[in-house]
Structures are given as C-alpha cells and as structure tokens.
PDB file of N, CA and C in Angstrom:
ATOM      1  N   UNK A   1     -38.611 -91.971 214.258  1.00  0.00           N
ATOM      2  CA  UNK A   1     -40.102 -91.327 214.334  1.00  0.00           C
ATOM      3  C   UNK A   1     -41.302 -91.889 214.751  1.00  0.00           C
ATOM      4  N   UNK A   2     -41.859 -92.011 215.963  1.00  0.00           N
ATOM      5  CA  UNK A   2     -43.262 -91.842 215.650  1.00  0.00           C
ATOM      6  C   UNK A   2     -44.663 -91.243 215.331  1.00  0.00           C
ATOM      7  N   UNK A   3     -44.754 -91.468 213.990  1.00  0.00           N
ATOM      8  CA  UNK A   3     -46.280 -90.425 213.751  1.00  0.00           C
ATOM      9  C   UNK A   3     -47.069 -90.581 214.720  1.00  0.00           C
ATOM     10  N   UNK A   4     -47.915 -89.679 214.440  1.00  0.00           N
ATOM     11  CA  UNK A   4     -48.975 -89.317 214.936  1.00  0.00           C
ATOM     12  C   UNK A   4     -50.007 -90.442 214.203  1.00  0.00           C
ATOM     13  N   UNK A   5     -51.008 -91.184 215.162  1.00  0.00           N
ATOM     14  CA  UNK A   5     -51.808 -92.243 214.859  1.00  0.00           C
ATOM     15  C   UNK A   5     -53.168 -91.063 214.132  1.00  0.00           C
ATOM     16  N   UNK A   6     -53.474 -90.514 214.838  1.00  0.00           N
ATOM     17  CA  UNK A   6     -54.766 -89.884 213.826  1.00  0.00           C
ATOM     18  C   UNK A   6     -54.752 -89.561 213.098  1.00  0.00           C
ATOM     19  N   UNK A   7     -52.717 -89.113 212.252  1.00  0.00           N
ATOM     20  CA  UNK A   7     -53.804 -89.089 210.640  1.00  0.00           C
ATOM     21  C   UNK A   7     -53.348 -89.797 210.764  1.00  0.00           C
ATOM     22  N   UNK A   8     -52.896 -91.136 210.580  1.00  0.00           N
ATOM     23  CA  UNK A   8     -52.538 -92.278 210.255  1.00  0.00           C
ATOM     24  C   UNK A   8     -53.454 -93.450 210.111  1.00  0.00           C
ATOM     25  N   UNK A   9     -54.628 -93.045 211.162  1.00  0.00           N
ATOM     26  CA  UNK A   9     -55.832 -93.640 210.674  1.00  0.00           C
ATOM     27  C   UNK A   9     -56.904 -93.064 209.953  1.00  0.00           C
ATOM     28  N   UNK A  10     -56.895 -91.456 209.369  1.00  0.00           N
ATOM     29  CA  UNK A  10     -57.699 -90.664 208.727  1.00  0.00           C
ATOM     30  C   UNK A  10     -57.312 -91.538 207.479  1.00  0.00           C
ATOM     31  N   UNK A  11     -56.826 -92.665 206.422  1.00  0.00           N
ATOM     32  CA  UNK A  11     -56.299 -92.982 205.449  1.00  0.00           C
ATOM     33  C   UNK A  11     -57.402 -94.052 205.719  1.00  0.00           C
ATOM     34  N   UNK A  12     -58.376 -94.179 204.374  1.00  0.00           N
ATOM     35  CA  UNK A  12     -59.197 -95.316 204.158  1.00  0.00           C
ATOM     36  C   UNK A  12     -58.532 -96.533 204.238  1.00  0.00           C
ATOM     37  N   UNK A  13     -57.588 -96.233 203.319  1.00  0.00           N
ATOM     38  CA  UNK A  13     -57.073 -97.537 202.949  1.00  0.00           C
ATOM     39  C   UNK A  13     -56.388 -98.026 204.350  1.00  0.00           C
ATOM     40  N   UNK A  14     -55.834 -97.477 205.219  1.00  0.00           N
ATOM     41  CA  UNK A  14     -54.882 -97.366 206.376  1.00  0.00           C
ATOM     42  C   UNK A  14     -56.099 -98.327 206.942  1.00  0.00           C
ATOM     43  N   UNK A  15     -57.201 -98.039 207.592  1.00  0.00           N
ATOM     44  CA  UNK A  15     -58.175 -98.438 208.148  1.00  0.00           C
ATOM     45  C   UNK A  15     -58.431 -99.901 207.347  1.00  0.00           C
ATOM     46  N   UNK A  16     -58.751 -99.362 206.437  1.00  0.00           N
ATOM     47  CA  UNK A  16     -59.259-101.217 206.144  1.00  0.00           C
ATOM     48  C   UNK A  16     -58.193-102.767 206.773  1.00  0.00           C
ATOM     49  N   UNK A  17     -56.575-101.889 206.217  1.00  0.00           N
ATOM     50  CA  UNK A  17     -55.272-102.416 206.383  1.00  0.00           C
ATOM     51  C   UNK A  17     -55.525-102.906 208.116  1.00  0.00           C
ATOM     52  N   UNK A  18     -55.803-102.221 208.258  1.00  0.00           N
ATOM     53  CA  UNK A  18     -55.758-102.517 210.197  1.00  0.00           C
ATOM     54  C   UNK A  18     -57.053-103.606 210.908  1.00  0.00           C
ATOM     55  N   UNK A  19     -58.674-103.273 209.585  1.00  0.00           N
ATOM     56  CA  UNK A  19     -59.689-103.985 209.792  1.00  0.00           C
ATOM     57  C   UNK A  19     -59.407-105.429 209.202  1.00  0.00           C
ATOM     58  N   UNK A  20     -58.309-105.275 208.096  1.00  0.00           N
ATOM     59  CA  UNK A  20     -58.042-107.082 207.438  1.00  0.00           C
ATOM     60  C   UNK A  20     -56.702-107.309 208.466  1.00  0.00           C
ATOM     61  N   UNK A  21     -56.495-106.959 209.364  1.00  0.00           N
ATOM     62  CA  UNK A  21     -55.185-107.711 209.791  1.00  0.00           C
ATOM     63  C   UNK A  21     -55.262-108.058 211.199  1.00  0.00           C
ATOM     64  N   UNK A  22     -56.758-107.733 211.399  1.00  0.00           N
ATOM     65  CA  UNK A  22     -56.799-108.003 213.218  1.00  0.00           C
ATOM     66  C   UNK A  22     -57.307-109.199 213.535  1.00  0.00           C
ATOM     67  N   UNK A  23     -57.570-110.310 212.752  1.00  0.00           N
ATOM     68  CA  UNK A  23     -57.915-111.502 212.759  1.00  0.00           C
ATOM     69  C   UNK A  23     -56.850-112.610 212.458  1.00  0.00           C
ATOM     70  N   UNK A  24     -55.962-111.713 210.788  1.00  0.00           N
ATOM     71  CA  UNK A  24     -55.092-112.727 210.698  1.00  0.00           C
ATOM     72  C   UNK A  24     -53.539-111.950 210.267  1.00  0.00           C
ATOM     73  N   UNK A  25     -52.297-112.649 210.465  1.00  0.00           N
ATOM     74  CA  UNK A  25     -51.268-112.062 209.880  1.00  0.00           C
ATOM     75  C   UNK A  25     -51.195-112.002 208.156  1.00  0.00           C
ATOM     76  N   UNK A  26     -50.287-111.677 207.671  1.00  0.00           N
ATOM     77  CA  UNK A  26     -50.066-112.066 206.210  1.00  0.00           C
ATOM     78  C   UNK A  26     -49.327-111.206 205.935  1.00  0.00           C
ATOM     79  N   UNK A  27     -48.515-111.771 204.825  1.00  0.00           N
ATOM     80  CA  UNK A  27     -47.062-110.865 204.289  1.00  0.00           C
ATOM     81  C   UNK A  27     -47.922-109.701 203.400  1.00  0.00           C
ATOM     82  N   UNK A  28     -47.242-109.143 202.770  1.00  0.00           N
ATOM     83  CA  UNK A  28     -47.245-107.918 201.877  1.00  0.00           C
ATOM     84  C   UNK A  28     -47.978-108.005 200.807  1.00  0.00           C
ATOM     85  N   UNK A  29     -47.322-109.383 200.146  1.00  0.00           N
ATOM     86  CA  UNK A  29     -47.982-109.319 198.846  1.00  0.00           C
ATOM     87  C   UNK A  29     -49.832-109.897 199.167  1.00  0.00           C
ATOM     88  N   UNK A  30     -50.372-110.586 200.334  1.00  0.00           N
ATOM     89  CA  UNK A  30     -51.142-110.854 200.202  1.00  0.00           C
ATOM     90  C   UNK A  30     -52.458-109.879 200.836  1.00  0.00           C
ATOM     91  N   UNK A  31     -51.802-109.079 201.633  1.00  0.00           N
ATOM     92  CA  UNK A  31     -52.204-107.363 201.767  1.00  0.00           C
ATOM     93  C   UNK A  31     -52.956-106.970 200.831  1.00  0.00           C
ATOM     94  N   UNK A  32     -51.673-106.819 199.324  1.00  0.00           N
ATOM     95  CA  UNK A  32     -51.972-106.007 198.595  1.00  0.00           C
ATOM     96  C   UNK A  32     -53.236-107.092 197.852  1.00  0.00           C
ATOM     97  N   UNK A  33     -53.142-107.934 197.630  1.00  0.00           N
ATOM     98  CA  UNK A  33     -54.457-108.928 196.896  1.00  0.00           C
ATOM     99  C   UNK A  33     -55.753-108.634 197.200  1.00  0.00           C
ATOM    100  N   UNK A  34     -55.692-107.770 198.445  1.00  0.00           N
ATOM    101  CA  UNK A  34     -57.415-107.258 198.973  1.00  0.00           C
ATOM    102  C   UNK A  34     -57.877-105.718 198.155  1.00  0.00           C
ATOM    103  N   UNK A  35     -56.483-105.098 197.845  1.00  0.00           N
ATOM    104  CA  UNK A  35     -56.441-103.700 197.372  1.00  0.00           C
ATOM    105  C   UNK A  35     -56.406-103.851 195.723  1.00  0.00           C
ATOM    106  N   UNK A  36     -57.223-102.174 195.206  1.00  0.00           N
ATOM    107  CA  UNK A  36     -57.184-102.256 193.937  1.00  0.00           C
ATOM    108  C   UNK A  36     -55.687-101.015 193.598  1.00  0.00           C
ATOM    109  N   UNK A  37     -54.496-101.001 194.804  1.00  0.00           N
ATOM    110  CA  UNK A  37     -53.621-100.837 194.716  1.00  0.00           C
ATOM    111  C   UNK A  37     -52.486-101.226 194.754  1.00  0.00           C
ATOM    112  N   UNK A  38     -51.431-100.333 193.989  1.00  0.00           N
ATOM    113  CA  UNK A  38     -49.787-101.068 193.563  1.00  0.00           C
ATOM    114  C   UNK A  38     -48.945-102.139 195.002  1.00  0.00           C
ATOM    115  N   UNK A  39     -48.233-103.071 195.169  1.00  0.00           N
ATOM    116  CA  UNK A  39     -48.091-103.347 196.350  1.00  0.00           C
ATOM    117  C   UNK A  39     -47.043-102.521 196.863  1.00  0.00           C
ATOM    118  N   UNK A  40     -46.222-101.378 195.945  1.00  0.00           N
ATOM    119  CA  UNK A  40     -45.554-100.317 196.753  1.00  0.00           C
ATOM    120  C   UNK A  40     -46.018 -99.852 197.764  1.00  0.00           C
ATOM    121  N   UNK A  41     -47.495 -99.451 197.271  1.00  0.00           N
ATOM    122  CA  UNK A  41     -48.232 -98.471 197.962  1.00  0.00           C
ATOM    123  C   UNK A  41     -48.913 -98.987 199.364  1.00  0.00           C
ATOM    124  N   UNK A  42     -48.647-100.476 199.374  1.00  0.00           N
ATOM    125  CA  UNK A  42     -49.193-101.023 200.508  1.00  0.00           C
ATOM    126  C   UNK A  42     -48.517-101.278 201.553  1.00  0.00           C
ATOM    127  N   UNK A  43     -47.235-101.131 200.853  1.00  0.00           N
ATOM    128  CA  UNK A  43     -45.545-101.286 202.366  1.00  0.00           C
ATOM    129  C   UNK A  43     -45.550-100.004 202.599  1.00  0.00           C
ATOM    130  N   UNK A  44     -46.008 -99.071 201.875  1.00  0.00           N
ATOM    131  CA  UNK A  44     -46.102 -97.351 202.398  1.00  0.00           C
ATOM    132  C   UNK A  44     -46.909 -97.041 203.544  1.00  0.00           C
ATOM    133  N   UNK A  45     -47.916 -98.051 202.992  1.00  0.00           N
ATOM    134  CA  UNK A  45     -48.861 -97.565 204.063  1.00  0.00           C
ATOM    135  C   UNK A  45     -49.016 -98.540 205.482  1.00  0.00           C
ATOM    136  N   UNK A  46     -48.681-100.117 205.492  1.00  0.00           N
ATOM    137  CA  UNK A  46     -47.735-100.945 206.643  1.00  0.00           C
ATOM    138  C   UNK A  46     -46.578-100.294 207.160  1.00  0.00           C
ATOM    139  N   UNK A  47     -45.930 -99.215 206.263  1.00  0.00           N
ATOM    140  CA  UNK A  47     -44.864 -98.774 207.212  1.00  0.00           C
ATOM    141  C   UNK A  47     -45.630 -97.229 207.742  1.00  0.00           C
ATOM    142  N   UNK A  48     -46.180 -96.865 207.339  1.00  0.00           N
ATOM    143  CA  UNK A  48     -46.931 -95.726 208.069  1.00  0.00           C
ATOM    144  C   UNK A  48     -47.802 -96.561 209.281  1.00  0.00           C
ATOM    145  N   UNK A  49     -48.252 -97.583 209.331  1.00  0.00           N
ATOM    146  CA  UNK A  49     -49.085 -97.982 210.506  1.00  0.00           C
ATOM    147  C   UNK A  49     -48.161 -98.562 211.907  1.00  0.00           C
ATOM    148  N   UNK A  50     -47.227 -99.170 210.770  1.00  0.00           N
ATOM    149  CA  UNK A  50     -45.739 -99.594 211.805  1.00  0.00           C
ATOM    150  C   UNK A  50     -44.838 -98.264 212.629  1.00  0.00           C
ATOM    151  N   UNK A  51     -44.641 -97.491 212.335  1.00  0.00           N
ATOM    152  CA  UNK A  51     -44.495 -96.086 212.916  1.00  0.00           C
ATOM    153  C   UNK A  51     -45.261 -95.846 213.298  1.00  0.00           C
ATOM    154  N   UNK A  52     -46.432 -95.677 213.528  1.00  0.00           N
ATOM    155  CA  UNK A  52     -46.974 -95.375 214.544  1.00  0.00           C
ATOM    156  C   UNK A  52     -47.958 -96.868 215.693  1.00  0.00           C
ATOM    157  N   UNK A  53     -47.156 -97.475 215.931  1.00  0.00           N
ATOM    158  CA  UNK A  53     -46.691 -99.215 216.889  1.00  0.00           C
ATOM    159  C   UNK A  53     -48.353 -99.312 216.375  1.00  0.00           C
ATOM    160  N   UNK A  54     -49.337 -99.255 215.348  1.00  0.00           N
ATOM    161  CA  UNK A  54     -50.421-100.201 215.341  1.00  0.00           C
ATOM    162  C   UNK A  54     -50.205-101.195 213.883  1.00  0.00           C
ATOM    163  N   UNK A  55     -49.084-101.867 214.217  1.00  0.00           N
ATOM    164  CA  UNK A  55     -48.793-103.515 214.050  1.00  0.00           C
ATOM    165  C   UNK A  55     -47.717-104.042 214.136  1.00  0.00           C
ATOM    166  N   UNK A  56     -47.964-104.810 214.345  1.00  0.00           N
ATOM    167  CA  UNK A  56     -47.016-106.545 214.800  1.00  0.00           C
ATOM    168  C   UNK A  56     -46.293-106.823 213.695  1.00  0.00           C
ATOM    169  N   UNK A  57     -44.754-107.053 213.295  1.00  0.00           N
ATOM    170  CA  UNK A  57     -44.896-107.535 212.616  1.00  0.00           C
ATOM    171  C   UNK A  57     -43.509-108.547 213.056  1.00  0.00           C
ATOM    172  N   UNK A  58     -43.763-110.020 212.205  1.00  0.00           N
ATOM    173  CA  UNK A  58     -43.415-111.184 212.963  1.00  0.00           C
ATOM    174  C   UNK A  58     -42.142-111.219 211.368  1.00  0.00           C
ATOM    175  N   UNK A  59     -40.866-111.820 211.239  1.00  0.00           N
ATOM    176  CA  UNK A  59     -40.248-112.573 210.660  1.00  0.00           C
ATOM    177  C   UNK A  59     -40.054-113.785 210.277  1.00  0.00           C
ATOM    178  N   UNK A  60     -40.539-114.750 209.329  1.00  0.00           N
ATOM    179  CA  UNK A  60     -40.704-115.759 209.102  1.00  0.00           C
ATOM    180  C   UNK A  60     -39.811-116.193 207.272  1.00  0.00           C
ATOM    181  N   UNK A  61     -38.779-116.907 207.580  1.00  0.00           N
ATOM    182  CA  UNK A  61     -37.998-116.803 206.930  1.00  0.00           C
ATOM    183  C   UNK A  61     -37.185-115.544 206.179  1.00  0.00           C
ATOM    184  N   UNK A  62     -38.298-115.275 204.581  1.00  0.00           N
ATOM    185  CA  UNK A  62     -37.755-113.902 204.122  1.00  0.00           C
ATOM    186  C   UNK A  62     -38.672-113.119 204.564  1.00  0.00           C
ATOM    187  N   UNK A  63     -39.664-113.667 204.324  1.00  0.00           N
ATOM    188  CA  UNK A  63     -41.491-112.706 204.295  1.00  0.00           C
ATOM    189  C   UNK A  63     -41.279-112.540 206.132  1.00  0.00           C
ATOM    190  N   UNK A  64     -42.051-111.193 206.256  1.00  0.00           N
ATOM    191  CA  UNK A  64     -42.341-110.314 206.781  1.00  0.00           C
ATOM    192  C   UNK A  64     -44.136-110.313 207.149  1.00  0.00           C
ATOM    193  N   UNK A  65     -44.783-110.730 208.334  1.00  0.00           N
ATOM    194  CA  UNK A  65     -46.230-111.159 208.328  1.00  0.00           C
ATOM    195  C   UNK A  65     -46.694-109.889 208.946  1.00  0.00           C
ATOM    196  N   UNK A  66     -47.898-109.132 209.022  1.00  0.00           N
ATOM    197  CA  UNK A  66     -48.196-107.842 209.488  1.00  0.00           C
ATOM    198  C   UNK A  66     -49.494-108.239 210.417  1.00  0.00           C
ATOM    199  N   UNK A  67     -49.401-108.039 211.377  1.00  0.00           N
ATOM    200  CA  UNK A  67     -50.751-108.420 211.909  1.00  0.00           C
ATOM    201  C   UNK A  67     -51.052-107.151 212.857  1.00  0.00           C
ATOM    202  N   UNK A  68     -52.287-106.535 213.284  1.00  0.00           N
ATOM    203  CA  UNK A  68     -52.693-104.859 213.448  1.00  0.00           C
ATOM    204  C   UNK A  68     -52.419-105.753 214.964  1.00  0.00           C
ATOM    205  N   UNK A  69     -52.749-104.556 215.520  1.00  0.00           N
ATOM    206  CA  UNK A  69     -52.235-104.295 216.991  1.00  0.00           C
ATOM    207  C   UNK A  69     -52.845-103.367 217.449  1.00  0.00           C
ATOM    208  N   UNK A  70     -54.522-103.277 218.121  1.00  0.00           N
ATOM    209  CA  UNK A  70     -55.369-102.662 218.076  1.00  0.00           C
ATOM    210  C   UNK A  70     -54.991-102.148 219.813  1.00  0.00           C
ATOM    211  N   UNK A  71     -54.825-102.349 220.388  1.00  0.00           N
ATOM    212  CA  UNK A  71     -54.670-102.030 221.756  1.00  0.00           C
ATOM    213  C   UNK A  71     -53.868-100.509 221.946  1.00  0.00           C
ATOM    214  N   UNK A  72     -52.767-100.282 220.350  1.00  0.00           N
ATOM    215  CA  UNK A  72     -52.735 -98.549 220.674  1.00  0.00           C
ATOM    216  C   UNK A  72     -53.876 -97.830 219.713  1.00  0.00           C
ATOM    217  N   UNK A  73     -54.853 -98.459 219.829  1.00  0.00           N
ATOM    218  CA  UNK A  73     -56.031 -97.840 219.413  1.00  0.00           C
ATOM    219  C   UNK A  73     -56.077 -97.083 220.749  1.00  0.00           C
ATOM    220  N   UNK A  74     -56.696 -97.559 221.897  1.00  0.00           N
ATOM    221  CA  UNK A  74     -56.992 -97.542 222.806  1.00  0.00           C
ATOM    222  C   UNK A  74     -57.372 -95.691 222.975  1.00  0.00           C
ATOM    223  N   UNK A  75     -55.293 -94.687 222.698  1.00  0.00           N
ATOM    224  CA  UNK A  75     -55.637 -93.491 222.781  1.00  0.00           C
ATOM    225  C   UNK A  75     -56.868 -92.716 222.018  1.00  0.00           C
ATOM    226  N   UNK A  76     -57.158 -93.257 221.101  1.00  0.00           N
ATOM    227  CA  UNK A  76     -57.903 -93.153 219.859  1.00  0.00           C
ATOM    228  C   UNK A  76     -59.660 -93.102 220.962  1.00  0.00           C
ATOM    229  N   UNK A  77     -59.350 -94.181 220.937  1.00  0.00           N
ATOM    230  CA  UNK A  77     -60.989 -94.027 221.438  1.00  0.00           C
ATOM    231  C   UNK A  77     -60.994 -93.600 223.014  1.00  0.00           C
ATOM    232  N   UNK A  78     -60.131 -93.366 223.789  1.00  0.00           N
ATOM    233  CA  UNK A  78     -60.277 -92.321 224.888  1.00  0.00           C
ATOM    234  C   UNK A  78     -60.242 -90.765 224.918  1.00  0.00           C
ATOM    235  N   UNK A  79     -59.359 -90.320 223.619  1.00  0.00           N
ATOM    236  CA  UNK A  79     -59.736 -89.267 222.731  1.00  0.00           C
ATOM    237  C   UNK A  79     -61.680 -88.743 222.306  1.00  0.00           C
ATOM    238  N   UNK A  80     -61.980 -89.718 221.878  1.00  0.00           N
ATOM    239  CA  UNK A  80     -63.149 -89.499 221.352  1.00  0.00           C
ATOM    240  C   UNK A  80     -64.337 -90.120 222.203  1.00  0.00           C
ATOM    241  N   UNK A  81     -63.970 -90.265 223.332  1.00  0.00           N
ATOM    242  CA  UNK A  81     -64.880 -90.407 224.713  1.00  0.00           C
ATOM    243  C   UNK A  81     -65.919 -89.293 224.933  1.00  0.00           C
ATOM    244  N   UNK A  82     -64.084 -87.970 225.273  1.00  0.00           N
ATOM    245  CA  UNK A  82     -64.847 -87.324 225.549  1.00  0.00           C
ATOM    246  C   UNK A  82     -65.537 -86.618 224.935  1.00  0.00           C
ATOM    247  N   UNK A  83     -65.777 -86.150 223.851  1.00  0.00           N
ATOM    248  CA  UNK A  83     -66.628 -86.221 222.350  1.00  0.00           C
ATOM    249  C   UNK A  83     -68.059 -86.636 223.057  1.00  0.00           C
ATOM    250  N   UNK A  84     -67.858 -87.807 222.503  1.00  0.00           N
ATOM    251  CA  UNK A  84     -69.148 -88.994 222.962  1.00  0.00           C
ATOM    252  C   UNK A  84     -69.992 -87.846 223.801  1.00  0.00           C
ATOM    253  N   UNK A  85     -69.252 -88.261 224.939  1.00  0.00           N
ATOM    254  CA  UNK A  85     -69.765 -87.301 226.664  1.00  0.00           C
ATOM    255  C   UNK A  85     -70.487 -86.279 225.630  1.00  0.00           C
ATOM    256  N   UNK A  86     -69.595 -84.827 225.949  1.00  0.00           N
ATOM    257  CA  UNK A  86     -70.265 -83.904 225.035  1.00  0.00           C
ATOM    258  C   UNK A  86     -71.370 -83.962 224.102  1.00  0.00           C
ATOM    259  N   UNK A  87     -71.432 -84.916 223.755  1.00  0.00           N
ATOM    260  CA  UNK A  87     -72.644 -85.495 222.195  1.00  0.00           C
ATOM    261  C   UNK A  87     -74.239 -85.622 222.602  1.00  0.00           C
ATOM    262  N   UNK A  88     -73.999 -86.584 224.120  1.00  0.00           N
ATOM    263  CA  UNK A  88     -74.568 -87.265 224.217  1.00  0.00           C
ATOM    264  C   UNK A  88     -75.551 -86.359 225.259  1.00  0.00           C
ATOM    265  N   UNK A  89     -74.775 -85.253 225.668  1.00  0.00           N
ATOM    266  CA  UNK A  89     -75.170 -84.303 226.519  1.00  0.00           C
ATOM    267  C   UNK A  89     -76.335 -82.953 226.471  1.00  0.00           C
ATOM    268  N   UNK A  90     -75.668 -82.810 224.694  1.00  0.00           N
ATOM    269  CA  UNK A  90     -75.689 -81.908 224.161  1.00  0.00           C
ATOM    270  C   UNK A  90     -77.103 -82.343 224.179  1.00  0.00           C
ATOM    271  N   UNK A  91     -77.258 -83.711 223.285  1.00  0.00           N
ATOM    272  CA  UNK A  91     -78.492 -84.279 222.900  1.00  0.00           C
ATOM    273  C   UNK A  91     -79.562 -84.077 223.749  1.00  0.00           C
ATOM    274  N   UNK A  92     -79.269 -84.979 224.750  1.00  0.00           N
ATOM    275  CA  UNK A  92     -80.374 -85.262 225.613  1.00  0.00           C
ATOM    276  C   UNK A  92     -80.695 -83.650 225.896  1.00  0.00           C
ATOM    277  N   UNK A  93     -79.996 -82.582 225.825  1.00  0.00           N
ATOM    278  CA  UNK A  93     -80.912 -80.736 225.691  1.00  0.00           C
ATOM    279  C   UNK A  93     -81.543 -81.050 224.723  1.00  0.00           C
ATOM    280  N   UNK A  94     -81.407 -81.435 224.135  1.00  0.00           N
ATOM    281  CA  UNK A  94     -82.233 -80.784 222.912  1.00  0.00           C
ATOM    282  C   UNK A  94     -83.603 -81.838 222.957  1.00  0.00           C
ATOM    283  N   UNK A  95     -83.452 -82.727 223.128  1.00  0.00           N
ATOM    284  CA  UNK A  95     -84.673 -83.681 223.010  1.00  0.00           C
ATOM    285  C   UNK A  95     -85.393 -83.571 224.362  1.00  0.00           C
ATOM    286  N   UNK A  96     -85.123 -82.303 225.588  1.00  0.00           N
ATOM    287  CA  UNK A  96     -85.927 -82.286 226.541  1.00  0.00           C
ATOM    288  C   UNK A  96     -86.466 -80.683 225.907  1.00  0.00           C
ATOM    289  N   UNK A  97     -85.553 -79.904 225.636  1.00  0.00           N
ATOM    290  CA  UNK A  97     -86.273 -78.865 224.663  1.00  0.00           C
ATOM    291  C   UNK A  97     -87.186 -79.064 224.267  1.00  0.00           C
ATOM    292  N   UNK A  98     -87.203 -79.744 222.740  1.00  0.00           N
ATOM    293  CA  UNK A  98     -88.583 -80.039 221.852  1.00  0.00           C
ATOM    294  C   UNK A  98     -89.437 -80.975 222.844  1.00  0.00           C
ATOM    295  N   UNK A  99     -89.108 -81.478 223.757  1.00  0.00           N
ATOM    296  CA  UNK A  99     -90.593 -82.133 224.180  1.00  0.00           C
ATOM    297  C   UNK A  99     -91.526 -80.875 225.355  1.00  0.00           C
ATOM    298  N   UNK A 100     -90.662 -80.085 225.729  1.00  0.00           N
ATOM    299  CA  UNK A 100     -91.108 -79.085 226.557  1.00  0.00           C
ATOM    300  C   UNK A 100     -91.999 -78.183 225.183  1.00  0.00           C
ATOM    301  N   UNK A 101     -91.571 -77.741 224.190  1.00  0.00           N
ATOM    302  CA  UNK A 101     -92.118 -77.105 222.880  1.00  0.00           C
ATOM    303  C   UNK A 101     -93.254 -77.662 222.149  1.00  0.00           C
ATOM    304  N   UNK A 102     -93.854 -78.978 223.052  1.00  0.00           N
ATOM    305  CA  UNK A 102     -94.338 -79.762 221.788  1.00  0.00           C
ATOM    306  C   UNK A 102     -95.332 -80.023 223.427  1.00  0.00           C
TER     307      UNK A 102
END
C-alpha cells in the first residue's frame, strides 16, 4: 500500500526527518538521537515515509541506512504551484486596488 504523500509531510517530525536525511544516510538509532521521541516512534515515521517513496533504504550488514528521496516531493511542488499563481494574481489585484484608492 502506498500512502498519501500529503499526509506524510503533514507531520512536523516527518518533515524534520526528511530535512535531516537530505544530506546524509543514517541508521534508525542515529536518526532517533536527533529527536526527543522513542526509537520505535522514529521507526514508524521512517516506515510511513518509505511507504510514500520519500526514503531510499540501503542495507549494509545488519543495519539499514535511510536517506531522503526529494524527487518524490515534486508532486507536492507541482500541486502547490497552481495555488502560488492564484495568490500572486489576487495579491497583485489587491495592490492595484489599494493604489487606486490612495
């Protein structure tokens, strides 16, 4: 089952994990050392991120190293881009209206 990427990134801890793992791969223990929550909770967050395609996992011996897969965030960027255009147009119209009234 592939989870919804938008639900995955809605959680602030998962967003922090994505940022943390964007430059380097880490095993679960090292990821957990950066947070004030339990290692099992971090494992659950990593599992959700992996199910969304936001993690690349590399096995080395008995350890699993996690790294962010930011390419998957393109879907989010494309979706939000349409709203950026909407807000830019509306704010430009508001600015024009305010200039006309002054």
